Amino acid sequence: MLQIPLSDADWARVQSLFPEQVSTRGRPRRSDREILNAILWLQQTNEKWHRLPGTFPPQQTCYLRYMAWKKSGVLDQVKERLPQCHLKQAPGDGS
């Protein structure tokens, strides 16, 4: 089972999949590492989005990023680079 939050070594394996994006307006963008930790926690615990603990970014933020990464294939690449990671369709995904 994968350690949550991701260790520095595990994050280093997948970090290149998440190019840094600079936001000049609005709220600061949540880090991809925080979002990925939340998604992986959901996968490991088999919980639903509304059960995401407050220690993670907001569930809406995590869900939107999850859907974008799923559509773009980023989550498939994460799964390849972190073989102990068991990504599956998140509860409440609806797809």
C-alpha atoms as a PDB file:
ATOM      1  CA  MET A   1       0.000   0.000   0.000  1.00  0.00           C
ATOM      2  CA  LEU A   2       1.198   3.483  -0.842  1.00  0.00           C
ATOM      3  CA  GLN A   3       2.121   5.872   1.957  1.00  0.00           C
ATOM      4  CA  ILE A   4      -0.099   8.957   2.204  1.00  0.00           C
ATOM      5  CA  PRO A   5       1.044  11.683   2.094  1.00  0.00           C
ATOM      6  CA  LEU A   6       3.427  10.713  -0.671  1.00  0.00           C
ATOM      7  CA  SER A   7       7.041  10.395   0.370  1.00  0.00           C
ATOM      8  CA  ASP A   8       9.521  12.703  -1.315  1.00  0.00           C
ATOM      9  CA  ALA A   9      10.846   9.717  -3.296  1.00  0.00           C
ATOM     10  CA  ASP A  10       7.363   8.766  -4.575  1.00  0.00           C
ATOM     11  CA  TRP A  11       6.561  12.386  -5.410  1.00  0.00           C
ATOM     12  CA  ALA A  12       9.847  12.641  -7.351  1.00  0.00           C
ATOM     13  CA  ARG A  13       8.699   9.711  -9.532  1.00  0.00           C
ATOM     14  CA  VAL A  14       5.528  11.507 -10.633  1.00  0.00           C
ATOM     15  CA  GLN A  15       6.345  15.194 -10.245  1.00  0.00           C
ATOM     16  CA  SER A  16       7.240  15.665 -13.924  1.00  0.00           C
ATOM     17  CA  LEU A  17       3.651  14.730 -14.852  1.00  0.00           C
ATOM     18  CA  PHE A  18       2.466  17.935 -13.199  1.00  0.00           C
ATOM     19  CA  PRO A  19       4.098  20.947 -14.862  1.00  0.00           C
ATOM     20  CA  GLU A  20       4.171  24.029 -12.688  1.00  0.00           C
ATOM     21  CA  GLN A  21       1.379  26.433 -13.546  1.00  0.00           C
ATOM     22  CA  VAL A  22       1.640  30.057 -12.578  1.00  0.00           C
ATOM     23  CA  SER A  23      -1.588  31.794 -11.653  1.00  0.00           C
ATOM     24  CA  THR A  24      -1.566  35.566 -11.733  1.00  0.00           C
ATOM     25  CA  ARG A  25      -5.156  36.158 -10.635  1.00  0.00           C
ATOM     26  CA  GLY A  26      -7.547  34.893  -8.019  1.00  0.00           C
ATOM     27  CA  ARG A  27      -6.729  32.477  -5.252  1.00  0.00           C
ATOM     28  CA  PRO A  28      -3.383  30.705  -5.251  1.00  0.00           C
ATOM     29  CA  ARG A  29      -3.544  27.358  -7.031  1.00  0.00           C
ATOM     30  CA  ARG A  30      -3.503  24.325  -4.744  1.00  0.00           C
ATOM     31  CA  SER A  31      -0.422  22.193  -5.163  1.00  0.00           C
ATOM     32  CA  ASP A  32      -0.683  19.142  -7.366  1.00  0.00           C
ATOM     33  CA  ARG A  33       0.989  17.114  -4.646  1.00  0.00           C
ATOM     34  CA  GLU A  34      -1.760  17.987  -2.134  1.00  0.00           C
ATOM     35  CA  ILE A  35      -4.461  17.118  -4.656  1.00  0.00           C
ATOM     36  CA  LEU A  36      -2.807  13.835  -5.599  1.00  0.00           C
ATOM     37  CA  ASN A  37      -2.491  12.930  -1.913  1.00  0.00           C
ATOM     38  CA  ALA A  38      -6.237  13.515  -1.509  1.00  0.00           C
ATOM     39  CA  ILE A  39      -7.094  11.386  -4.551  1.00  0.00           C
ATOM     40  CA  LEU A  40      -4.834   8.578  -3.391  1.00  0.00           C
ATOM     41  CA  TRP A  41      -6.342   8.737   0.103  1.00  0.00           C
ATOM     42  CA  LEU A  42      -9.823   8.374  -1.397  1.00  0.00           C
ATOM     43  CA  GLN A  43      -8.672   5.407  -3.437  1.00  0.00           C
ATOM     44  CA  GLN A  44      -7.066   3.634  -0.493  1.00  0.00           C
ATOM     45  CA  THR A  45      -9.932   4.198   1.912  1.00  0.00           C
ATOM     46  CA  ASN A  46     -12.690   3.689  -0.679  1.00  0.00           C
ATOM     47  CA  GLU A  47     -14.430   6.787   0.676  1.00  0.00           C
ATOM     48  CA  LYS A  48     -16.643   9.217  -1.192  1.00  0.00           C
ATOM     49  CA  TRP A  49     -15.658  12.766  -2.095  1.00  0.00           C
ATOM     50  CA  HIS A  50     -17.811  14.349   0.626  1.00  0.00           C
ATOM     51  CA  ARG A  51     -15.870  12.347   3.250  1.00  0.00           C
ATOM     52  CA  LEU A  52     -12.523  13.922   2.334  1.00  0.00           C
ATOM     53  CA  PRO A  53     -10.919  15.123   5.593  1.00  0.00           C
ATOM     54  CA  GLY A  54     -10.333  18.820   6.124  1.00  0.00           C
ATOM     55  CA  THR A  55      -6.580  18.253   6.081  1.00  0.00           C
ATOM     56  CA  PHE A  56      -6.829  18.005   2.284  1.00  0.00           C
ATOM     57  CA  PRO A  57      -7.817  20.756  -0.168  1.00  0.00           C
ATOM     58  CA  PRO A  58     -11.565  21.285  -0.756  1.00  0.00           C
ATOM     59  CA  GLN A  59     -13.385  18.312  -2.265  1.00  0.00           C
ATOM     60  CA  GLN A  60     -14.564  20.339  -5.275  1.00  0.00           C
ATOM     61  CA  THR A  61     -11.002  21.337  -6.099  1.00  0.00           C
ATOM     62  CA  CYS A  62      -9.798  17.757  -5.760  1.00  0.00           C
ATOM     63  CA  TYR A  63     -12.657  16.368  -7.840  1.00  0.00           C
ATOM     64  CA  LEU A  64     -12.176  18.853 -10.680  1.00  0.00           C
ATOM     65  CA  ARG A  65      -8.457  18.132 -10.838  1.00  0.00           C
ATOM     66  CA  TYR A  66      -9.177  14.373 -10.634  1.00  0.00           C
ATOM     67  CA  MET A  67     -11.510  14.596 -13.629  1.00  0.00           C
ATOM     68  CA  ALA A  68      -9.030  16.671 -15.639  1.00  0.00           C
ATOM     69  CA  TRP A  69      -6.159  14.291 -14.870  1.00  0.00           C
ATOM     70  CA  LYS A  70      -8.287  11.255 -15.630  1.00  0.00           C
ATOM     71  CA  LYS A  71      -9.354  12.697 -18.979  1.00  0.00           C
ATOM     72  CA  SER A  72      -5.804  13.687 -19.931  1.00  0.00           C
ATOM     73  CA  GLY A  73      -4.317  10.317 -18.910  1.00  0.00           C
ATOM     74  CA  VAL A  74      -2.169  11.716 -16.103  1.00  0.00           C
ATOM     75  CA  LEU A  75      -3.659   9.298 -13.549  1.00  0.00           C
ATOM     76  CA  ASP A  76      -2.796   6.336 -15.789  1.00  0.00           C
ATOM     77  CA  GLN A  77       0.801   7.549 -15.886  1.00  0.00           C
ATOM     78  CA  VAL A  78       0.812   7.961 -12.092  1.00  0.00           C
ATOM     79  CA  LYS A  79      -0.317   4.362 -11.797  1.00  0.00           C
ATOM     80  CA  GLU A  80       2.539   3.241 -14.050  1.00  0.00           C
ATOM     81  CA  ARG A  81       5.155   5.156 -12.071  1.00  0.00           C
ATOM     82  CA  LEU A  82       3.814   4.145  -8.660  1.00  0.00           C
ATOM     83  CA  PRO A  83       3.107   0.429  -9.059  1.00  0.00           C
ATOM     84  CA  GLN A  84       2.003   0.066  -5.426  1.00  0.00           C
ATOM     85  CA  CYS A  85      -0.702   2.640  -6.172  1.00  0.00           C
ATOM     86  CA  HIS A  86      -4.108   1.109  -6.848  1.00  0.00           C
ATOM     87  CA  LEU A  87      -5.959   3.839  -8.727  1.00  0.00           C
ATOM     88  CA  LYS A  88      -9.453   2.988  -9.733  1.00  0.00           C
ATOM     89  CA  GLN A  89     -12.569   4.946 -10.468  1.00  0.00           C
ATOM     90  CA  ALA A  90     -13.226   7.189  -7.503  1.00  0.00           C
ATOM     91  CA  PRO A  91     -16.562   6.786  -5.740  1.00  0.00           C
ATOM     92  CA  GLY A  92     -19.071   9.264  -7.112  1.00  0.00           C
ATOM     93  CA  ASP A  93     -17.076   9.669 -10.338  1.00  0.00           C
ATOM     94  CA  GLY A  94     -20.182   9.131 -12.422  1.00  0.00           C
ATOM     95  CA  SER A  95     -18.340   8.138 -15.580  1.00  0.00           C
END
